[in-house]
Amino acid sequence: QVQLIESGGGSVQAGGSLNLSCEVAERIFHPISIMGWYRQPPGKEREFIANIISAGSTNYAASVKGRFTIFLLINKRTTTLQMNSLKPEDTAVYYCNVLYDGDYSWGQGTQVTVSS
């Protein structure tokens, strides 16, 4: 497993935007296979939001498609999640998830709160 550092998040009104970032905080020796984001709304299960494969293809949950965009920075160790047109139902703790060298790692989570 690798250490991940998340940043971004916070509070915003409905319709607003936020960006999240996740960086692999240690030296790596192989390309990262997948970088992605999950979220856990209050009282609910953790759910998939988006991911980006090392070759550049992306996947999105239906609930965020068209509003959220995932990027892999040129350093290949940082992913950002651009979140637009936020809704109150997007309120959750957002977690970065990375598949590297056959193991999954999780970030510490960052709170996103969207008020109506």
C-alpha atoms as a PDB file:
ATOM      1  CA  GLN A   1       0.000   0.000   0.000  1.00  0.00           C
ATOM      2  CA  VAL A   2       0.981   3.602  -0.534  1.00  0.00           C
ATOM      3  CA  GLN A   3       0.317   6.736   1.468  1.00  0.00           C
ATOM      4  CA  LEU A   4      -2.158   9.121  -0.108  1.00  0.00           C
ATOM      5  CA  ILE A   5      -2.646  12.784   0.710  1.00  0.00           C
ATOM      6  CA  GLU A   6      -6.003  14.323  -0.096  1.00  0.00           C
ATOM      7  CA  SER A   7      -6.766  18.025  -0.261  1.00  0.00           C
ATOM      8  CA  GLY A   8      -9.675  20.210  -1.208  1.00  0.00           C
ATOM      9  CA  GLY A   9     -13.235  19.760  -0.133  1.00  0.00           C
ATOM     10  CA  GLY A  10     -15.161  22.091   2.112  1.00  0.00           C
ATOM     11  CA  SER A  11     -18.575  23.696   2.066  1.00  0.00           C
ATOM     12  CA  VAL A  12     -20.379  25.190  -0.892  1.00  0.00           C
ATOM     13  CA  GLN A  13     -23.889  26.165  -1.884  1.00  0.00           C
ATOM     14  CA  ALA A  14     -25.864  24.110  -4.371  1.00  0.00           C
ATOM     15  CA  GLY A  15     -24.765  24.829  -7.913  1.00  0.00           C
ATOM     16  CA  GLY A  16     -21.236  25.609  -6.827  1.00  0.00           C
ATOM     17  CA  SER A  17     -17.951  23.886  -7.599  1.00  0.00           C
ATOM     18  CA  LEU A  18     -15.148  22.268  -5.649  1.00  0.00           C
ATOM     19  CA  ASN A  19     -11.946  20.472  -6.554  1.00  0.00           C
ATOM     20  CA  LEU A  20     -10.377  17.544  -4.749  1.00  0.00           C
ATOM     21  CA  SER A  21      -6.811  16.344  -5.167  1.00  0.00           C
ATOM     22  CA  CYS A  22      -5.077  13.153  -4.204  1.00  0.00           C
ATOM     23  CA  GLU A  23      -1.344  12.612  -4.385  1.00  0.00           C
ATOM     24  CA  VAL A  24       0.728   9.515  -3.820  1.00  0.00           C
ATOM     25  CA  ALA A  25       2.980  10.732  -1.043  1.00  0.00           C
ATOM     26  CA  GLU A  26       5.874   8.388  -1.466  1.00  0.00           C
ATOM     27  CA  ARG A  27       8.263   7.159  -4.076  1.00  0.00           C
ATOM     28  CA  ILE A  28       6.804   4.667  -6.494  1.00  0.00           C
ATOM     29  CA  PHE A  29       8.621   2.328  -8.833  1.00  0.00           C
ATOM     30  CA  HIS A  30       5.834   1.263 -11.178  1.00  0.00           C
ATOM     31  CA  PRO A  31       3.011   3.089 -12.907  1.00  0.00           C
ATOM     32  CA  ILE A  32      -0.172   3.416 -10.886  1.00  0.00           C
ATOM     33  CA  SER A  33      -2.845   1.181 -12.361  1.00  0.00           C
ATOM     34  CA  ILE A  34      -5.978   3.042 -11.280  1.00  0.00           C
ATOM     35  CA  MET A  35      -6.687   6.236  -9.359  1.00  0.00           C
ATOM     36  CA  GLY A  36     -10.220   6.995  -8.320  1.00  0.00           C
ATOM     37  CA  TRP A  37     -12.695   8.484  -5.906  1.00  0.00           C
ATOM     38  CA  TYR A  38     -15.397   7.085  -3.683  1.00  0.00           C
ATOM     39  CA  ARG A  39     -17.714   8.828  -1.289  1.00  0.00           C
ATOM     40  CA  GLN A  40     -19.711   7.938   1.782  1.00  0.00           C
ATOM     41  CA  PRO A  41     -22.828  10.019   2.422  1.00  0.00           C
ATOM     42  CA  PRO A  42     -24.049  10.288   6.022  1.00  0.00           C
ATOM     43  CA  GLY A  43     -25.600   7.011   7.140  1.00  0.00           C
ATOM     44  CA  LYS A  44     -24.928   5.280   3.815  1.00  0.00           C
ATOM     45  CA  GLU A  45     -22.463   2.861   2.276  1.00  0.00           C
ATOM     46  CA  ARG A  46     -19.336   3.991   0.496  1.00  0.00           C
ATOM     47  CA  GLU A  47     -19.972   4.310  -3.224  1.00  0.00           C
ATOM     48  CA  PHE A  48     -17.916   4.582  -6.377  1.00  0.00           C
ATOM     49  CA  ILE A  49     -17.703   8.016  -8.012  1.00  0.00           C
ATOM     50  CA  ALA A  50     -15.061   7.996 -10.707  1.00  0.00           C
ATOM     51  CA  ASN A  51     -11.750   6.515 -11.710  1.00  0.00           C
ATOM     52  CA  ILE A  52      -9.047   6.896 -14.298  1.00  0.00           C
ATOM     53  CA  ILE A  53      -7.015   4.039 -15.669  1.00  0.00           C
ATOM     54  CA  SER A  54      -3.317   4.442 -16.362  1.00  0.00           C
ATOM     55  CA  ALA A  55      -3.978   4.458 -20.094  1.00  0.00           C
ATOM     56  CA  GLY A  56      -6.262   7.439 -19.639  1.00  0.00           C
ATOM     57  CA  SER A  57      -9.754   5.981 -19.853  1.00  0.00           C
ATOM     58  CA  THR A  58     -12.261   7.175 -17.276  1.00  0.00           C
ATOM     59  CA  ASN A  59     -15.366   5.801 -15.611  1.00  0.00           C
ATOM     60  CA  TYR A  60     -18.096   7.654 -13.745  1.00  0.00           C
ATOM     61  CA  ALA A  61     -21.061   6.804 -11.614  1.00  0.00           C
ATOM     62  CA  ALA A  62     -24.334   7.749 -13.257  1.00  0.00           C
ATOM     63  CA  SER A  63     -25.096  10.154 -10.420  1.00  0.00           C
ATOM     64  CA  VAL A  64     -22.121  12.380 -11.224  1.00  0.00           C
ATOM     65  CA  LYS A  65     -21.589  11.877 -14.949  1.00  0.00           C
ATOM     66  CA  GLY A  66     -21.586  15.195 -16.748  1.00  0.00           C
ATOM     67  CA  ARG A  67     -20.954  17.129 -13.526  1.00  0.00           C
ATOM     68  CA  PHE A  68     -17.692  15.657 -12.219  1.00  0.00           C
ATOM     69  CA  THR A  69     -14.456  15.238 -14.159  1.00  0.00           C
ATOM     70  CA  ILE A  70     -11.455  13.219 -13.066  1.00  0.00           C
ATOM     71  CA  PHE A  71      -7.971  14.112 -14.208  1.00  0.00           C
ATOM     72  CA  LEU A  72      -4.604  12.457 -13.910  1.00  0.00           C
ATOM     73  CA  LEU A  73      -1.851  15.021 -13.709  1.00  0.00           C
ATOM     74  CA  ILE A  74       1.195  14.742 -15.899  1.00  0.00           C
ATOM     75  CA  ASN A  75       3.268  13.533 -12.970  1.00  0.00           C
ATOM     76  CA  LYS A  76       1.100  10.371 -13.022  1.00  0.00           C
ATOM     77  CA  ARG A  77       0.862  10.371  -9.230  1.00  0.00           C
ATOM     78  CA  THR A  78      -1.811  12.993  -8.631  1.00  0.00           C
ATOM     79  CA  THR A  79      -5.456  12.862  -9.499  1.00  0.00           C
ATOM     80  CA  THR A  80      -7.942  15.690  -9.239  1.00  0.00           C
ATOM     81  CA  LEU A  81     -11.718  15.540  -9.166  1.00  0.00           C
ATOM     82  CA  GLN A  82     -13.414  18.638 -10.505  1.00  0.00           C
ATOM     83  CA  MET A  83     -16.955  18.815  -9.159  1.00  0.00           C
ATOM     84  CA  ASN A  84     -19.419  21.199 -10.788  1.00  0.00           C
ATOM     85  CA  SER A  85     -23.131  21.823 -10.335  1.00  0.00           C
ATOM     86  CA  LEU A  86     -22.973  20.379  -6.856  1.00  0.00           C
ATOM     87  CA  LYS A  87     -26.170  19.207  -5.211  1.00  0.00           C
ATOM     88  CA  PRO A  88     -27.038  18.684  -1.547  1.00  0.00           C
ATOM     89  CA  GLU A  89     -27.048  14.931  -2.204  1.00  0.00           C
ATOM     90  CA  ASP A  90     -23.337  15.184  -3.066  1.00  0.00           C
ATOM     91  CA  THR A  91     -22.657  15.834   0.612  1.00  0.00           C
ATOM     92  CA  ALA A  92     -20.326  13.083   1.796  1.00  0.00           C
ATOM     93  CA  VAL A  93     -16.838  12.186   2.886  1.00  0.00           C
ATOM     94  CA  TYR A  94     -14.813  11.686  -0.273  1.00  0.00           C
ATOM     95  CA  TYR A  95     -12.043   9.115  -0.382  1.00  0.00           C
ATOM     96  CA  CYS A  96      -9.230   8.680  -2.851  1.00  0.00           C
ATOM     97  CA  ASN A  97      -8.499   5.109  -3.894  1.00  0.00           C
ATOM     98  CA  VAL A  98      -5.418   3.869  -5.711  1.00  0.00           C
ATOM     99  CA  LEU A  99      -4.475   0.521  -7.178  1.00  0.00           C
ATOM    100  CA  TYR A 100      -0.715   0.216  -7.193  1.00  0.00           C
ATOM    101  CA  ASP A 101       1.421  -2.864  -7.483  1.00  0.00           C
ATOM    102  CA  GLY A 102      -1.589  -5.097  -6.919  1.00  0.00           C
ATOM    103  CA  ASP A 103      -2.758  -3.413  -3.716  1.00  0.00           C
ATOM    104  CA  TYR A 104      -5.515  -0.903  -3.033  1.00  0.00           C
ATOM    105  CA  SER A 105      -4.851   2.117  -0.821  1.00  0.00           C
ATOM    106  CA  TRP A 106      -7.280   4.645   0.623  1.00  0.00           C
ATOM    107  CA  GLY A 107      -6.896   8.281   1.487  1.00  0.00           C
ATOM    108  CA  GLN A 108      -7.962   9.666   4.840  1.00  0.00           C
ATOM    109  CA  GLY A 109     -11.146  11.200   3.468  1.00  0.00           C
ATOM    110  CA  THR A 110     -12.187  14.801   3.003  1.00  0.00           C
ATOM    111  CA  GLN A 111     -15.588  16.287   3.792  1.00  0.00           C
ATOM    112  CA  VAL A 112     -17.707  17.913   1.110  1.00  0.00           C
ATOM    113  CA  THR A 113     -20.847  19.677   2.271  1.00  0.00           C
ATOM    114  CA  VAL A 114     -23.351  21.154  -0.172  1.00  0.00           C
ATOM    115  CA  SER A 115     -26.082  23.353   1.257  1.00  0.00           C
ATOM    116  CA  SER A 116     -29.350  24.110  -0.466  1.00  0.00           C
END
